[in-house]
N, C-alpha and C. Protein backbone atom coordinates (compact mmCIF):
# COMPACT_ATOMS: atom_id res chain seq x y z
N MET A 1 94.11 89.20 67.43
CA MET A 1 93.40 88.67 66.29
C MET A 1 93.43 87.16 66.25
N GLY A 2 94.15 86.58 67.19
CA GLY A 2 94.20 85.13 67.25
C GLY A 2 92.85 84.55 67.61
N HIS A 3 92.01 85.36 68.28
CA HIS A 3 90.69 84.88 68.68
C HIS A 3 89.83 84.60 67.46
N ILE A 4 89.88 85.48 66.49
CA ILE A 4 89.04 85.30 65.30
C ILE A 4 89.53 84.10 64.48
N ALA A 5 90.83 83.92 64.37
CA ALA A 5 91.38 82.80 63.59
C ALA A 5 91.02 81.47 64.23
N ARG A 6 90.97 81.45 65.54
CA ARG A 6 90.64 80.18 66.22
C ARG A 6 89.14 80.06 66.48
N ALA A 7 88.35 81.00 65.97
CA ALA A 7 86.89 80.99 66.11
C ALA A 7 86.47 81.08 67.57
N GLU A 8 87.26 81.84 68.35
CA GLU A 8 86.92 82.06 69.75
C GLU A 8 86.06 83.32 69.84
N PRO A 9 85.23 83.38 70.85
CA PRO A 9 84.42 84.59 71.00
C PRO A 9 85.31 85.79 71.37
N VAL A 10 84.91 86.96 70.92
CA VAL A 10 85.66 88.19 71.20
C VAL A 10 85.28 88.68 72.60
N ASP A 11 86.30 88.95 73.41
CA ASP A 11 86.04 89.49 74.76
C ASP A 11 85.60 90.95 74.62
N PHE A 12 84.42 91.22 75.11
CA PHE A 12 83.85 92.55 74.98
C PHE A 12 84.40 93.52 76.04
N TYR A 13 84.64 93.02 77.24
CA TYR A 13 85.05 93.88 78.35
C TYR A 13 86.36 94.62 78.07
N PRO A 14 87.44 94.01 77.63
CA PRO A 14 88.67 94.77 77.38
C PRO A 14 88.51 95.83 76.28
N LEU A 15 87.62 95.60 75.31
CA LEU A 15 87.41 96.59 74.26
C LEU A 15 86.52 97.74 74.74
N PHE A 16 85.65 97.47 75.67
CA PHE A 16 84.70 98.46 76.15
C PHE A 16 85.32 99.40 77.21
N ARG A 17 86.33 98.93 77.95
CA ARG A 17 86.92 99.69 79.06
C ARG A 17 87.42 101.08 78.66
N PRO A 18 88.19 101.27 77.58
CA PRO A 18 88.65 102.63 77.25
C PRO A 18 87.50 103.60 76.94
N PHE A 19 86.44 103.09 76.34
CA PHE A 19 85.30 103.96 76.04
C PHE A 19 84.58 104.38 77.32
N VAL A 20 84.46 103.48 78.26
CA VAL A 20 83.82 103.80 79.54
C VAL A 20 84.66 104.82 80.30
N LEU A 21 85.97 104.63 80.34
CA LEU A 21 86.85 105.59 81.02
C LEU A 21 86.79 106.97 80.35
N GLY A 22 86.81 106.99 79.03
CA GLY A 22 86.70 108.26 78.31
C GLY A 22 85.39 108.95 78.58
N PHE A 23 84.30 108.18 78.61
CA PHE A 23 82.98 108.75 78.90
C PHE A 23 82.92 109.30 80.33
N ALA A 24 83.53 108.57 81.27
CA ALA A 24 83.55 109.03 82.66
C ALA A 24 84.30 110.35 82.79
N VAL A 25 85.43 110.47 82.09
CA VAL A 25 86.19 111.72 82.11
C VAL A 25 85.38 112.83 81.44
N LEU A 26 84.66 112.50 80.39
CA LEU A 26 83.90 113.49 79.66
C LEU A 26 82.74 114.06 80.48
N ILE A 27 82.05 113.22 81.25
CA ILE A 27 80.89 113.71 82.00
C ILE A 27 81.24 114.12 83.43
N PHE A 28 82.52 114.07 83.83
CA PHE A 28 82.91 114.40 85.19
C PHE A 28 82.45 115.79 85.62
N PRO A 29 82.64 116.85 84.80
CA PRO A 29 82.14 118.18 85.22
C PRO A 29 80.63 118.21 85.45
N SER A 30 79.89 117.48 84.66
CA SER A 30 78.44 117.44 84.84
C SER A 30 78.07 116.76 86.15
N VAL A 31 78.79 115.69 86.48
CA VAL A 31 78.52 114.97 87.73
C VAL A 31 78.83 115.88 88.92
N ILE A 32 79.96 116.59 88.87
CA ILE A 32 80.33 117.51 89.95
C ILE A 32 79.29 118.63 90.08
N ALA A 33 78.83 119.16 88.97
CA ALA A 33 77.81 120.21 89.01
C ALA A 33 76.51 119.69 89.63
N MET A 34 76.15 118.45 89.31
CA MET A 34 74.94 117.87 89.89
C MET A 34 75.10 117.68 91.40
N ILE A 35 76.26 117.21 91.84
CA ILE A 35 76.50 117.02 93.27
C ILE A 35 76.47 118.37 93.99
N ASN A 36 77.07 119.40 93.39
CA ASN A 36 77.04 120.74 93.99
C ASN A 36 75.62 121.26 94.09
N GLY A 37 74.80 121.02 93.07
CA GLY A 37 73.41 121.46 93.11
C GLY A 37 72.61 120.77 94.19
N VAL A 38 72.86 119.49 94.39
CA VAL A 38 72.14 118.73 95.42
C VAL A 38 72.58 119.17 96.82
N MET A 39 73.88 119.47 96.97
CA MET A 39 74.41 119.81 98.29
C MET A 39 74.27 121.29 98.64
N LYS A 40 73.82 122.14 97.71
CA LYS A 40 73.73 123.58 97.94
C LYS A 40 72.89 123.95 99.17
N PRO A 41 71.70 123.35 99.38
CA PRO A 41 70.94 123.70 100.59
C PRO A 41 71.67 123.33 101.88
N THR A 42 72.37 122.21 101.86
CA THR A 42 73.12 121.79 103.05
C THR A 42 74.24 122.77 103.34
N VAL A 43 74.95 123.19 102.32
CA VAL A 43 76.05 124.14 102.49
C VAL A 43 75.53 125.48 103.01
N THR A 44 74.42 125.93 102.48
CA THR A 44 73.83 127.21 102.92
C THR A 44 73.39 127.13 104.39
N ALA A 45 72.73 126.06 104.76
CA ALA A 45 72.26 125.90 106.14
C ALA A 45 73.44 125.80 107.11
N THR A 46 74.47 125.07 106.73
CA THR A 46 75.64 124.94 107.60
C THR A 46 76.34 126.28 107.77
N SER A 47 76.42 127.05 106.71
CA SER A 47 77.04 128.37 106.78
C SER A 47 76.26 129.28 107.73
N ALA A 48 74.94 129.22 107.67
CA ALA A 48 74.12 130.03 108.58
C ALA A 48 74.31 129.59 110.03
N MET A 49 74.45 128.29 110.25
CA MET A 49 74.68 127.78 111.60
C MET A 49 76.01 128.27 112.15
N VAL A 50 77.04 128.31 111.31
CA VAL A 50 78.35 128.78 111.75
C VAL A 50 78.29 130.26 112.12
N THR A 51 77.58 131.06 111.35
CA THR A 51 77.44 132.49 111.65
C THR A 51 76.76 132.69 113.00
N ASP A 52 75.66 131.97 113.24
CA ASP A 52 74.96 132.06 114.52
C ASP A 52 75.85 131.58 115.66
N SER A 53 76.63 130.55 115.41
CA SER A 53 77.52 130.02 116.44
C SER A 53 78.60 131.03 116.78
N ASP A 54 79.14 131.73 115.78
CA ASP A 54 80.15 132.75 116.03
C ASP A 54 79.59 133.87 116.90
N LYS A 55 78.36 134.27 116.64
CA LYS A 55 77.73 135.32 117.44
C LYS A 55 77.55 134.86 118.88
N ALA A 56 77.13 133.61 119.06
CA ALA A 56 76.91 133.08 120.41
C ALA A 56 78.23 133.00 121.17
N VAL A 57 79.29 132.56 120.51
CA VAL A 57 80.60 132.48 121.17
C VAL A 57 81.09 133.86 121.54
N ALA A 58 80.90 134.84 120.67
CA ALA A 58 81.34 136.21 120.98
C ALA A 58 80.57 136.75 122.19
N GLN A 59 79.29 136.47 122.26
CA GLN A 59 78.48 136.92 123.40
C GLN A 59 78.95 136.24 124.68
N LEU A 60 79.22 134.93 124.62
CA LEU A 60 79.69 134.22 125.81
C LEU A 60 81.06 134.74 126.26
N LEU A 61 81.94 135.06 125.32
CA LEU A 61 83.25 135.61 125.68
C LEU A 61 83.11 136.97 126.34
N THR A 62 82.18 137.79 125.87
CA THR A 62 81.94 139.09 126.49
C THR A 62 81.42 138.92 127.91
N MET A 63 80.48 137.98 128.10
CA MET A 63 79.96 137.73 129.44
C MET A 63 81.06 137.21 130.36
N LYS A 64 81.93 136.36 129.84
CA LYS A 64 83.03 135.81 130.64
C LYS A 64 83.99 136.93 131.04
N GLU A 65 84.29 137.82 130.12
CA GLU A 65 85.19 138.94 130.41
C GLU A 65 84.61 139.84 131.50
N GLU A 66 83.31 140.12 131.40
CA GLU A 66 82.66 140.94 132.43
C GLU A 66 82.69 140.25 133.78
N ALA A 67 82.48 138.94 133.79
CA ALA A 67 82.50 138.20 135.05
C ALA A 67 83.91 138.18 135.64
N ILE A 68 84.92 138.06 134.81
CA ILE A 68 86.30 138.06 135.30
C ILE A 68 86.67 139.41 135.88
N LYS A 69 86.18 140.49 135.27
CA LYS A 69 86.50 141.83 135.76
C LYS A 69 85.91 142.10 137.14
N LYS A 70 84.92 141.32 137.56
CA LYS A 70 84.30 141.50 138.87
C LYS A 70 85.00 140.70 139.97
N THR A 71 85.96 139.86 139.61
CA THR A 71 86.63 139.02 140.60
C THR A 71 87.65 139.83 141.40
N ALA A 72 87.98 139.32 142.56
CA ALA A 72 88.94 139.99 143.43
C ALA A 72 90.33 140.00 142.80
N TYR A 73 90.71 138.92 142.10
CA TYR A 73 92.02 138.87 141.47
C TYR A 73 92.17 139.94 140.39
N TRP A 74 91.12 140.13 139.60
CA TRP A 74 91.17 141.18 138.56
C TRP A 74 91.33 142.55 139.22
N GLN A 75 90.56 142.80 140.27
CA GLN A 75 90.65 144.09 140.97
C GLN A 75 92.03 144.27 141.60
N MET A 76 92.61 143.17 142.08
CA MET A 76 93.90 143.25 142.74
C MET A 76 95.02 143.51 141.74
N TYR A 77 95.03 142.80 140.63
CA TYR A 77 96.14 142.89 139.68
C TYR A 77 95.95 143.99 138.64
N VAL A 78 94.73 144.21 138.19
CA VAL A 78 94.50 145.16 137.10
C VAL A 78 93.82 146.41 137.62
N GLY A 79 92.72 146.24 138.30
CA GLY A 79 91.98 147.38 138.81
C GLY A 79 91.25 148.11 137.70
N GLN A 80 90.72 149.26 138.04
CA GLN A 80 90.02 150.06 137.05
C GLN A 80 91.03 150.95 136.34
N SER A 81 90.89 151.06 135.03
CA SER A 81 91.84 151.87 134.27
C SER A 81 91.56 153.36 134.40
N VAL A 82 90.30 153.75 134.61
CA VAL A 82 89.92 155.15 134.75
C VAL A 82 89.18 155.28 136.08
N GLN A 83 89.64 156.19 136.91
CA GLN A 83 89.01 156.36 138.21
C GLN A 83 87.88 157.39 138.11
N ALA A 84 86.91 157.25 138.95
CA ALA A 84 85.74 158.11 138.89
C ALA A 84 86.05 159.54 139.32
N THR A 85 87.04 159.74 140.20
CA THR A 85 87.34 161.08 140.70
C THR A 85 88.10 161.91 139.69
N GLY A 86 88.67 161.29 138.70
CA GLY A 86 89.42 162.01 137.68
C GLY A 86 90.90 162.13 138.00
N THR A 87 91.34 161.75 139.21
CA THR A 87 92.76 161.80 139.53
C THR A 87 93.42 160.55 138.98
N SER A 88 94.65 160.71 138.54
CA SER A 88 95.36 159.55 138.01
C SER A 88 96.03 158.82 139.15
N GLY A 89 96.06 157.53 139.07
CA GLY A 89 96.68 156.73 140.11
C GLY A 89 97.51 155.62 139.52
N ILE A 90 98.45 155.13 140.27
CA ILE A 90 99.30 154.04 139.82
C ILE A 90 99.04 152.86 140.75
N ASN A 91 98.74 151.73 140.18
CA ASN A 91 98.54 150.54 140.99
C ASN A 91 99.90 149.90 141.22
N ILE A 92 100.25 149.73 142.47
CA ILE A 92 101.53 149.11 142.82
C ILE A 92 101.21 147.78 143.49
N ILE A 93 101.83 146.74 143.00
CA ILE A 93 101.60 145.42 143.57
C ILE A 93 102.89 145.02 144.27
N MET A 94 102.79 144.77 145.58
CA MET A 94 103.95 144.34 146.36
C MET A 94 103.74 142.87 146.72
N VAL A 95 104.80 142.10 146.59
CA VAL A 95 104.71 140.69 146.95
C VAL A 95 105.50 140.50 148.23
N ILE A 96 104.78 140.15 149.28
CA ILE A 96 105.41 139.91 150.57
C ILE A 96 105.06 138.49 151.01
N ARG A 97 106.08 137.67 151.15
CA ARG A 97 105.92 136.26 151.54
C ARG A 97 104.90 135.54 150.67
N GLY A 98 104.97 135.76 149.37
CA GLY A 98 104.12 135.04 148.42
C GLY A 98 102.70 135.60 148.32
N ARG A 99 102.37 136.66 149.05
CA ARG A 99 101.05 137.25 148.97
C ARG A 99 101.15 138.60 148.26
N ALA A 100 100.24 138.82 147.35
CA ALA A 100 100.25 140.08 146.60
C ALA A 100 99.39 141.09 147.33
N LEU A 101 99.94 142.26 147.55
CA LEU A 101 99.21 143.36 148.17
C LEU A 101 99.14 144.50 147.19
N LYS A 102 98.04 145.18 147.14
CA LYS A 102 97.85 146.27 146.20
C LYS A 102 97.80 147.59 146.96
N ALA A 103 98.57 148.54 146.46
CA ALA A 103 98.56 149.88 147.05
C ALA A 103 98.29 150.86 145.94
N LEU A 104 97.58 151.92 146.24
CA LEU A 104 97.26 152.93 145.23
C LEU A 104 98.05 154.20 145.56
N ALA A 105 98.88 154.58 144.62
CA ALA A 105 99.67 155.80 144.81
C ALA A 105 99.12 156.87 143.89
N THR A 106 98.77 158.04 144.45
CA THR A 106 98.24 159.13 143.64
C THR A 106 99.37 160.10 143.33
N ILE A 107 99.34 160.53 142.08
CA ILE A 107 100.39 161.47 141.63
C ILE A 107 99.79 162.85 141.55
């Protein structure tokens, strides 16, 4: 109140600041709702892109698995789990001098 007694002008900014802060807190939910409304198409499009990307990755992994199953290493270490003749067999892997050899033993 010393400003009024000395006939100095009243500073408006310090008096206005609490009202501006209160107003900002009051309208915050409305601002967030407006931002969500504006960003909704972007979020929807990005979500659709992720779904398509997941399908593409799953397809590529399936193709990779099929390609790996055709390699000589897969045939040597794993082989086919079900044989066409219907007889059961055991894959035996022998390591001789660092080289893996595969033998098929029928039971």
